[in-house]
N, C-alpha and C. Protein backbone atom coordinates (compact mmCIF):
# COMPACT_ATOMS: atom_id res chain seq x y z
N UNK A 1 -26.52 18.07 -0.71
CA UNK A 1 -25.53 17.19 -0.14
C UNK A 1 -24.14 17.75 -0.47
N UNK A 2 -23.26 17.75 0.49
CA UNK A 2 -21.92 18.28 0.33
C UNK A 2 -20.94 17.15 0.05
N UNK A 3 -20.13 17.30 -0.99
CA UNK A 3 -19.12 16.29 -1.33
C UNK A 3 -17.94 16.44 -0.38
N UNK A 4 -17.55 15.34 0.24
CA UNK A 4 -16.46 15.38 1.22
C UNK A 4 -15.21 14.67 0.74
N UNK A 5 -15.10 14.43 -0.55
CA UNK A 5 -13.91 13.77 -1.08
C UNK A 5 -12.74 14.72 -1.16
N UNK A 6 -11.58 14.18 -1.46
CA UNK A 6 -10.36 14.97 -1.58
C UNK A 6 -10.16 15.40 -3.03
N UNK A 7 -9.78 16.66 -3.22
CA UNK A 7 -9.40 17.11 -4.55
C UNK A 7 -8.09 16.41 -4.92
N UNK A 8 -7.70 16.52 -6.18
CA UNK A 8 -6.44 15.91 -6.61
C UNK A 8 -5.26 16.46 -5.82
N UNK A 9 -5.23 17.76 -5.58
CA UNK A 9 -4.13 18.37 -4.82
C UNK A 9 -4.14 17.89 -3.36
N UNK A 10 -5.32 17.81 -2.75
CA UNK A 10 -5.42 17.34 -1.37
C UNK A 10 -5.01 15.87 -1.27
N UNK A 11 -5.44 15.07 -2.24
CA UNK A 11 -5.08 13.65 -2.25
C UNK A 11 -3.57 13.49 -2.39
N UNK A 12 -2.96 14.26 -3.26
CA UNK A 12 -1.51 14.20 -3.45
C UNK A 12 -0.79 14.59 -2.16
N UNK A 13 -1.25 15.64 -1.50
CA UNK A 13 -0.62 16.10 -0.25
C UNK A 13 -0.71 15.02 0.83
N UNK A 14 -1.80 14.25 0.84
CA UNK A 14 -1.93 13.15 1.81
C UNK A 14 -1.09 11.96 1.36
N UNK A 15 -1.17 11.61 0.08
CA UNK A 15 -0.56 10.38 -0.42
C UNK A 15 0.97 10.39 -0.39
N UNK A 16 1.58 11.52 -0.64
CA UNK A 16 3.04 11.53 -0.72
C UNK A 16 3.72 11.09 0.59
N UNK A 17 3.38 11.65 1.75
CA UNK A 17 4.04 11.16 2.98
C UNK A 17 3.56 9.75 3.37
N UNK A 18 2.31 9.43 3.07
CA UNK A 18 1.79 8.10 3.39
C UNK A 18 2.51 7.04 2.56
N UNK A 19 2.64 7.26 1.24
CA UNK A 19 3.32 6.28 0.40
C UNK A 19 4.80 6.19 0.76
N UNK A 20 5.40 7.29 1.15
CA UNK A 20 6.81 7.26 1.58
C UNK A 20 6.98 6.37 2.81
N UNK A 21 5.94 6.29 3.65
CA UNK A 21 6.01 5.46 4.86
C UNK A 21 5.99 3.97 4.54
N UNK A 22 5.65 3.60 3.31
CA UNK A 22 5.68 2.19 2.91
C UNK A 22 7.11 1.69 2.70
N UNK A 23 8.07 2.60 2.60
CA UNK A 23 9.46 2.24 2.37
C UNK A 23 10.25 2.35 3.67
N UNK A 24 11.18 1.41 3.89
CA UNK A 24 12.12 1.55 5.00
C UNK A 24 11.86 0.66 6.19
N UNK A 25 10.88 -0.23 6.13
CA UNK A 25 10.62 -1.17 7.21
C UNK A 25 10.37 -0.48 8.55
N UNK A 26 9.41 0.45 8.54
CA UNK A 26 8.98 1.14 9.76
C UNK A 26 7.46 1.00 9.88
N UNK A 27 6.99 -0.19 10.24
CA UNK A 27 5.55 -0.42 10.25
C UNK A 27 4.79 0.48 11.23
N UNK A 28 5.42 0.88 12.32
CA UNK A 28 4.75 1.77 13.27
C UNK A 28 4.45 3.13 12.62
N UNK A 29 5.40 3.62 11.85
CA UNK A 29 5.18 4.88 11.14
C UNK A 29 4.04 4.73 10.14
N UNK A 30 4.06 3.63 9.39
CA UNK A 30 3.02 3.42 8.38
C UNK A 30 1.64 3.29 9.02
N UNK A 31 1.53 2.52 10.08
CA UNK A 31 0.21 2.30 10.68
C UNK A 31 -0.34 3.57 11.34
N UNK A 32 0.53 4.56 11.58
CA UNK A 32 0.07 5.81 12.18
C UNK A 32 -0.86 6.59 11.25
N UNK A 33 -0.90 6.24 9.98
CA UNK A 33 -1.80 6.89 9.03
C UNK A 33 -3.22 6.31 9.08
N UNK A 34 -3.44 5.29 9.90
CA UNK A 34 -4.71 4.56 9.92
C UNK A 34 -5.44 4.72 11.25
N UNK A 35 -6.78 4.64 11.19
CA UNK A 35 -7.60 4.72 12.40
C UNK A 35 -7.50 3.42 13.21
N UNK A 36 -7.91 3.47 14.45
CA UNK A 36 -7.88 2.28 15.31
C UNK A 36 -8.79 1.17 14.76
N UNK A 37 -9.88 1.55 14.09
CA UNK A 37 -10.85 0.56 13.59
C UNK A 37 -10.75 0.36 12.07
N UNK A 38 -9.57 0.58 11.51
CA UNK A 38 -9.36 0.49 10.07
C UNK A 38 -9.75 -0.88 9.51
N UNK A 39 -10.20 -0.86 8.25
CA UNK A 39 -10.35 -2.08 7.48
C UNK A 39 -9.40 -1.96 6.30
N UNK A 40 -8.54 -3.00 6.11
CA UNK A 40 -7.53 -2.99 5.06
C UNK A 40 -7.59 -4.32 4.32
N UNK A 41 -7.49 -4.25 2.98
CA UNK A 41 -7.46 -5.46 2.16
C UNK A 41 -6.53 -5.23 0.98
N UNK A 42 -5.77 -6.28 0.62
CA UNK A 42 -4.96 -6.26 -0.60
C UNK A 42 -4.98 -7.67 -1.18
N UNK A 43 -4.41 -7.88 -2.37
CA UNK A 43 -4.48 -9.20 -2.99
C UNK A 43 -3.88 -10.34 -2.15
N UNK A 44 -2.94 -10.04 -1.27
CA UNK A 44 -2.35 -11.09 -0.44
C UNK A 44 -3.25 -11.50 0.71
N UNK A 45 -4.16 -10.62 1.10
CA UNK A 45 -5.12 -10.92 2.18
C UNK A 45 -6.52 -10.52 1.72
N UNK A 46 -7.11 -11.30 0.82
CA UNK A 46 -8.37 -10.92 0.19
C UNK A 46 -9.54 -10.76 1.16
N UNK A 47 -9.46 -11.37 2.34
CA UNK A 47 -10.52 -11.17 3.33
C UNK A 47 -10.24 -9.97 4.22
N UNK A 48 -9.05 -9.41 4.10
CA UNK A 48 -8.70 -8.20 4.81
C UNK A 48 -8.39 -8.41 6.27
N UNK A 49 -8.00 -7.32 6.90
CA UNK A 49 -7.78 -7.27 8.35
C UNK A 49 -8.52 -6.06 8.89
N UNK A 50 -8.96 -6.19 10.12
CA UNK A 50 -9.68 -5.10 10.78
C UNK A 50 -8.94 -4.71 12.04
N UNK A 51 -8.80 -3.42 12.22
CA UNK A 51 -8.18 -2.89 13.42
C UNK A 51 -6.70 -2.60 13.24
N UNK A 52 -6.25 -1.56 13.94
CA UNK A 52 -4.87 -1.13 13.82
C UNK A 52 -3.89 -2.19 14.30
N UNK A 53 -4.21 -2.92 15.36
CA UNK A 53 -3.29 -3.94 15.89
C UNK A 53 -3.06 -5.04 14.86
N UNK A 54 -4.14 -5.52 14.22
CA UNK A 54 -4.01 -6.56 13.19
C UNK A 54 -3.26 -6.02 11.98
N UNK A 55 -3.51 -4.77 11.63
CA UNK A 55 -2.82 -4.17 10.49
C UNK A 55 -1.33 -4.01 10.79
N UNK A 56 -0.99 -3.62 12.00
CA UNK A 56 0.41 -3.49 12.38
C UNK A 56 1.12 -4.84 12.27
N UNK A 57 0.48 -5.89 12.71
CA UNK A 57 1.07 -7.23 12.61
C UNK A 57 1.33 -7.59 11.15
N UNK A 58 0.36 -7.31 10.29
CA UNK A 58 0.52 -7.58 8.86
C UNK A 58 1.64 -6.73 8.27
N UNK A 59 1.65 -5.44 8.59
CA UNK A 59 2.69 -4.55 8.06
C UNK A 59 4.08 -4.96 8.53
N UNK A 60 4.23 -5.47 9.72
CA UNK A 60 5.54 -5.92 10.20
C UNK A 60 6.09 -7.01 9.29
N UNK A 61 5.24 -7.96 8.92
CA UNK A 61 5.66 -9.03 8.02
C UNK A 61 5.92 -8.49 6.61
N UNK A 62 4.99 -7.73 6.10
CA UNK A 62 5.06 -7.24 4.72
C UNK A 62 6.27 -6.33 4.51
N UNK A 63 6.46 -5.36 5.38
CA UNK A 63 7.59 -4.45 5.22
C UNK A 63 8.91 -5.14 5.53
N UNK A 64 8.89 -6.12 6.42
CA UNK A 64 10.10 -6.88 6.70
C UNK A 64 10.60 -7.63 5.48
N UNK A 65 9.67 -8.11 4.65
CA UNK A 65 10.05 -8.79 3.41
C UNK A 65 10.45 -7.81 2.31
N UNK A 66 9.99 -6.58 2.41
CA UNK A 66 10.17 -5.60 1.34
C UNK A 66 10.69 -4.26 1.87
N UNK A 67 11.83 -4.24 2.55
CA UNK A 67 12.27 -2.98 3.17
C UNK A 67 12.75 -1.93 2.18
N UNK A 68 13.04 -2.32 0.95
CA UNK A 68 13.61 -1.37 -0.01
C UNK A 68 12.69 -1.01 -1.16
N UNK A 69 11.44 -1.47 -1.10
CA UNK A 69 10.56 -1.07 -2.17
C UNK A 69 10.24 0.42 -2.04
N UNK A 70 9.81 1.03 -3.15
CA UNK A 70 9.51 2.45 -3.17
C UNK A 70 8.16 2.65 -3.84
N UNK A 71 7.30 3.40 -3.17
CA UNK A 71 5.95 3.67 -3.66
C UNK A 71 5.85 5.14 -4.05
N UNK A 72 5.23 5.40 -5.20
CA UNK A 72 5.02 6.77 -5.64
C UNK A 72 3.58 6.99 -6.06
N UNK A 73 3.12 8.18 -5.81
CA UNK A 73 1.77 8.61 -6.17
C UNK A 73 1.76 8.98 -7.65
N UNK A 74 0.80 8.42 -8.40
CA UNK A 74 0.73 8.70 -9.84
C UNK A 74 -0.50 9.49 -10.23
N UNK A 75 -1.36 9.75 -9.28
CA UNK A 75 -2.58 10.50 -9.56
C UNK A 75 -3.69 10.05 -8.65
N UNK A 76 -4.80 10.76 -8.72
CA UNK A 76 -5.93 10.41 -7.86
C UNK A 76 -7.23 10.86 -8.49
N UNK A 77 -8.29 10.25 -8.01
CA UNK A 77 -9.65 10.58 -8.42
C UNK A 77 -10.44 10.78 -7.14
N UNK A 78 -11.14 11.91 -7.01
CA UNK A 78 -11.92 12.13 -5.80
C UNK A 78 -13.00 11.06 -5.62
N UNK A 79 -13.14 10.60 -4.40
CA UNK A 79 -14.21 9.68 -4.00
C UNK A 79 -14.89 10.26 -2.76
N UNK A 80 -16.09 9.89 -2.53
CA UNK A 80 -16.78 10.33 -1.33
C UNK A 80 -15.95 9.97 -0.10
N UNK A 81 -15.63 10.95 0.70
CA UNK A 81 -14.85 10.80 1.94
C UNK A 81 -13.44 10.29 1.72
N UNK A 82 -12.88 10.55 0.53
CA UNK A 82 -11.52 10.09 0.28
C UNK A 82 -11.10 10.27 -1.16
N UNK A 83 -10.38 9.27 -1.67
CA UNK A 83 -9.90 9.35 -3.04
C UNK A 83 -9.47 7.97 -3.52
N UNK A 84 -9.44 7.82 -4.82
CA UNK A 84 -8.83 6.66 -5.46
C UNK A 84 -7.38 7.03 -5.72
N UNK A 85 -6.47 6.27 -5.14
CA UNK A 85 -5.04 6.55 -5.26
C UNK A 85 -4.45 5.67 -6.35
N UNK A 86 -3.84 6.29 -7.35
CA UNK A 86 -3.11 5.56 -8.38
C UNK A 86 -1.64 5.60 -7.99
N UNK A 87 -0.98 4.44 -7.99
CA UNK A 87 0.38 4.37 -7.49
C UNK A 87 1.25 3.47 -8.35
N UNK A 88 2.55 3.59 -8.12
CA UNK A 88 3.53 2.68 -8.71
C UNK A 88 4.45 2.24 -7.59
N UNK A 89 4.76 0.95 -7.57
CA UNK A 89 5.71 0.40 -6.61
C UNK A 89 6.89 -0.18 -7.38
N UNK A 90 8.09 0.20 -6.97
CA UNK A 90 9.32 -0.38 -7.50
C UNK A 90 9.81 -1.36 -6.45
N UNK A 91 9.78 -2.66 -6.79
CA UNK A 91 10.02 -3.71 -5.80
C UNK A 91 11.26 -4.51 -6.19
N UNK A 92 12.34 -4.38 -5.42
CA UNK A 92 13.53 -5.19 -5.69
C UNK A 92 13.25 -6.67 -5.40
N UNK A 93 13.61 -7.50 -6.37
CA UNK A 93 13.51 -8.95 -6.21
C UNK A 93 14.82 -9.52 -6.76
N UNK A 94 15.68 -9.95 -5.85
CA UNK A 94 16.99 -10.44 -6.29
C UNK A 94 17.78 -9.33 -6.93
N UNK A 95 18.25 -9.59 -8.16
CA UNK A 95 19.08 -8.60 -8.86
C UNK A 95 18.29 -7.75 -9.85
N UNK A 96 16.97 -7.75 -9.73
CA UNK A 96 16.15 -6.92 -10.62
C UNK A 96 15.08 -6.20 -9.82
N UNK A 97 14.44 -5.24 -10.46
CA UNK A 97 13.37 -4.48 -9.82
C UNK A 97 12.11 -4.61 -10.66
N UNK A 98 11.04 -4.99 -10.01
CA UNK A 98 9.74 -5.14 -10.66
C UNK A 98 8.97 -3.84 -10.47
N UNK A 99 8.40 -3.33 -11.55
CA UNK A 99 7.56 -2.13 -11.48
C UNK A 99 6.11 -2.57 -11.52
N UNK A 100 5.36 -2.21 -10.49
CA UNK A 100 3.97 -2.61 -10.36
C UNK A 100 3.10 -1.36 -10.28
N UNK A 101 2.10 -1.28 -11.14
CA UNK A 101 1.12 -0.20 -11.08
C UNK A 101 -0.16 -0.73 -10.46
N UNK A 102 -0.79 0.10 -9.66
CA UNK A 102 -2.03 -0.31 -9.03
C UNK A 102 -2.84 0.89 -8.58
N UNK A 103 -3.90 0.58 -7.88
CA UNK A 103 -4.79 1.62 -7.36
C UNK A 103 -5.37 1.13 -6.05
N UNK A 104 -5.79 2.06 -5.24
CA UNK A 104 -6.46 1.69 -4.01
C UNK A 104 -7.48 2.76 -3.64
N UNK A 105 -8.53 2.32 -2.99
CA UNK A 105 -9.49 3.27 -2.45
C UNK A 105 -8.99 3.67 -1.07
N UNK A 106 -9.12 4.94 -0.77
CA UNK A 106 -8.70 5.49 0.52
C UNK A 106 -9.88 6.27 1.08
N UNK A 107 -10.45 5.76 2.15
CA UNK A 107 -11.53 6.46 2.84
C UNK A 107 -10.96 7.04 4.12
N UNK A 108 -11.25 8.31 4.37
CA UNK A 108 -10.66 9.02 5.51
C UNK A 108 -11.72 9.40 6.53
N UNK A 109 -11.27 9.44 7.78
CA UNK A 109 -12.09 9.95 8.87
C UNK A 109 -11.15 10.68 9.83
N UNK A 110 -11.44 11.92 10.09
CA UNK A 110 -10.61 12.73 10.99
C UNK A 110 -9.14 12.73 10.56
N UNK A 111 -8.89 12.75 9.25
CA UNK A 111 -7.53 12.86 8.73
C UNK A 111 -6.75 11.56 8.68
N UNK A 112 -7.38 10.44 9.04
CA UNK A 112 -6.72 9.14 9.02
C UNK A 112 -7.49 8.18 8.11
N UNK A 113 -6.81 7.15 7.64
CA UNK A 113 -7.43 6.17 6.75
C UNK A 113 -8.26 5.20 7.60
N UNK A 114 -9.56 5.12 7.28
CA UNK A 114 -10.43 4.17 7.99
C UNK A 114 -10.74 2.95 7.12
N UNK A 115 -10.52 3.06 5.82
CA UNK A 115 -10.70 1.93 4.91
C UNK A 115 -9.73 2.10 3.75
N UNK A 116 -9.04 0.99 3.43
CA UNK A 116 -8.04 1.02 2.36
C UNK A 116 -8.10 -0.32 1.63
N UNK A 117 -8.57 -0.28 0.38
CA UNK A 117 -8.67 -1.49 -0.44
C UNK A 117 -7.73 -1.35 -1.63
N UNK A 118 -6.77 -2.28 -1.73
CA UNK A 118 -5.67 -2.20 -2.69
C UNK A 118 -5.89 -3.20 -3.82
N UNK A 119 -5.65 -2.74 -5.06
CA UNK A 119 -5.86 -3.57 -6.24
C UNK A 119 -4.65 -3.50 -7.17
N UNK A 120 -4.09 -4.65 -7.53
CA UNK A 120 -3.03 -4.72 -8.53
C UNK A 120 -2.86 -6.17 -8.97
N UNK A 121 -2.25 -6.35 -10.13
CA UNK A 121 -1.98 -7.68 -10.67
C UNK A 121 -0.64 -8.15 -10.10
N UNK A 122 -0.65 -9.27 -9.38
CA UNK A 122 0.55 -9.79 -8.72
C UNK A 122 1.34 -10.76 -9.58
N UNK A 123 0.91 -11.05 -10.79
CA UNK A 123 1.52 -12.11 -11.57
C UNK A 123 3.02 -11.91 -11.76
N UNK A 124 3.45 -10.75 -12.27
CA UNK A 124 4.87 -10.51 -12.53
C UNK A 124 5.69 -10.57 -11.24
N UNK A 125 5.15 -10.00 -10.17
CA UNK A 125 5.85 -10.01 -8.89
C UNK A 125 6.02 -11.43 -8.36
N UNK A 126 4.97 -12.21 -8.35
CA UNK A 126 5.05 -13.59 -7.85
C UNK A 126 5.97 -14.44 -8.72
N UNK A 127 5.94 -14.21 -10.03
CA UNK A 127 6.84 -14.93 -10.93
C UNK A 127 8.30 -14.60 -10.62
N UNK A 128 8.59 -13.33 -10.38
CA UNK A 128 9.96 -12.93 -10.06
C UNK A 128 10.41 -13.52 -8.73
N UNK A 129 9.52 -13.57 -7.76
CA UNK A 129 9.86 -14.16 -6.46
C UNK A 129 10.16 -15.64 -6.62
N UNK A 130 9.35 -16.35 -7.39
CA UNK A 130 9.59 -17.79 -7.62
C UNK A 130 10.91 -18.01 -8.35
N UNK A 131 11.20 -17.18 -9.35
CA UNK A 131 12.47 -17.30 -10.07
C UNK A 131 13.65 -17.06 -9.15
N UNK A 132 13.53 -16.10 -8.25
CA UNK A 132 14.61 -15.80 -7.30
C UNK A 132 14.80 -16.97 -6.32
N UNK A 133 13.72 -17.55 -5.86
CA UNK A 133 13.82 -18.73 -4.97
C UNK A 133 14.54 -19.87 -5.68
N UNK A 134 14.16 -20.10 -6.92
CA UNK A 134 14.79 -21.18 -7.70
C UNK A 134 16.28 -20.90 -7.91
N UNK A 135 16.60 -19.64 -8.22
CA UNK A 135 18.00 -19.25 -8.42
C UNK A 135 18.81 -19.52 -7.16
N UNK A 136 18.26 -19.19 -6.00
CA UNK A 136 18.97 -19.39 -4.74
C UNK A 136 19.13 -20.88 -4.42
N UNK A 137 18.12 -21.67 -4.76
CA UNK A 137 18.20 -23.12 -4.54
C UNK A 137 19.26 -23.77 -5.41
N UNK A 138 19.48 -23.19 -6.61
CA UNK A 138 20.45 -23.74 -7.55
C UNK A 138 21.89 -23.49 -7.12
N UNK A 139 22.10 -22.57 -6.16
CA UNK A 139 23.46 -22.27 -5.70
C UNK A 139 23.90 -23.25 -4.67
């Protein structure tokens, strides 16, 4: 049996432009990394979304709320037909920036992501968002 996963160097070469597409509120650019029949899940949508059209709709909302966050590749582990992507997101919330570390599985087909499952602890981020909402209400 031949292993079809990505080496660390191959994963990094894929992840760097893909993660850069998460910044700047350009959901069309981001969704171009995914297949038409993609399955995507993250902690905000635990049941996931299927298909590029549904993913584009989700990305429009998500990136619209977070146009200035920055994602960086921190390493990878080869997986069958893809890789485990270790990442860091710097997310501006009000007058501070939250640093979030996480990981996601990336399964590829024909050079595009066909499955992407994202894992991270949202506690600090959600707390910062609630504090910012309260701060704005107090003004």
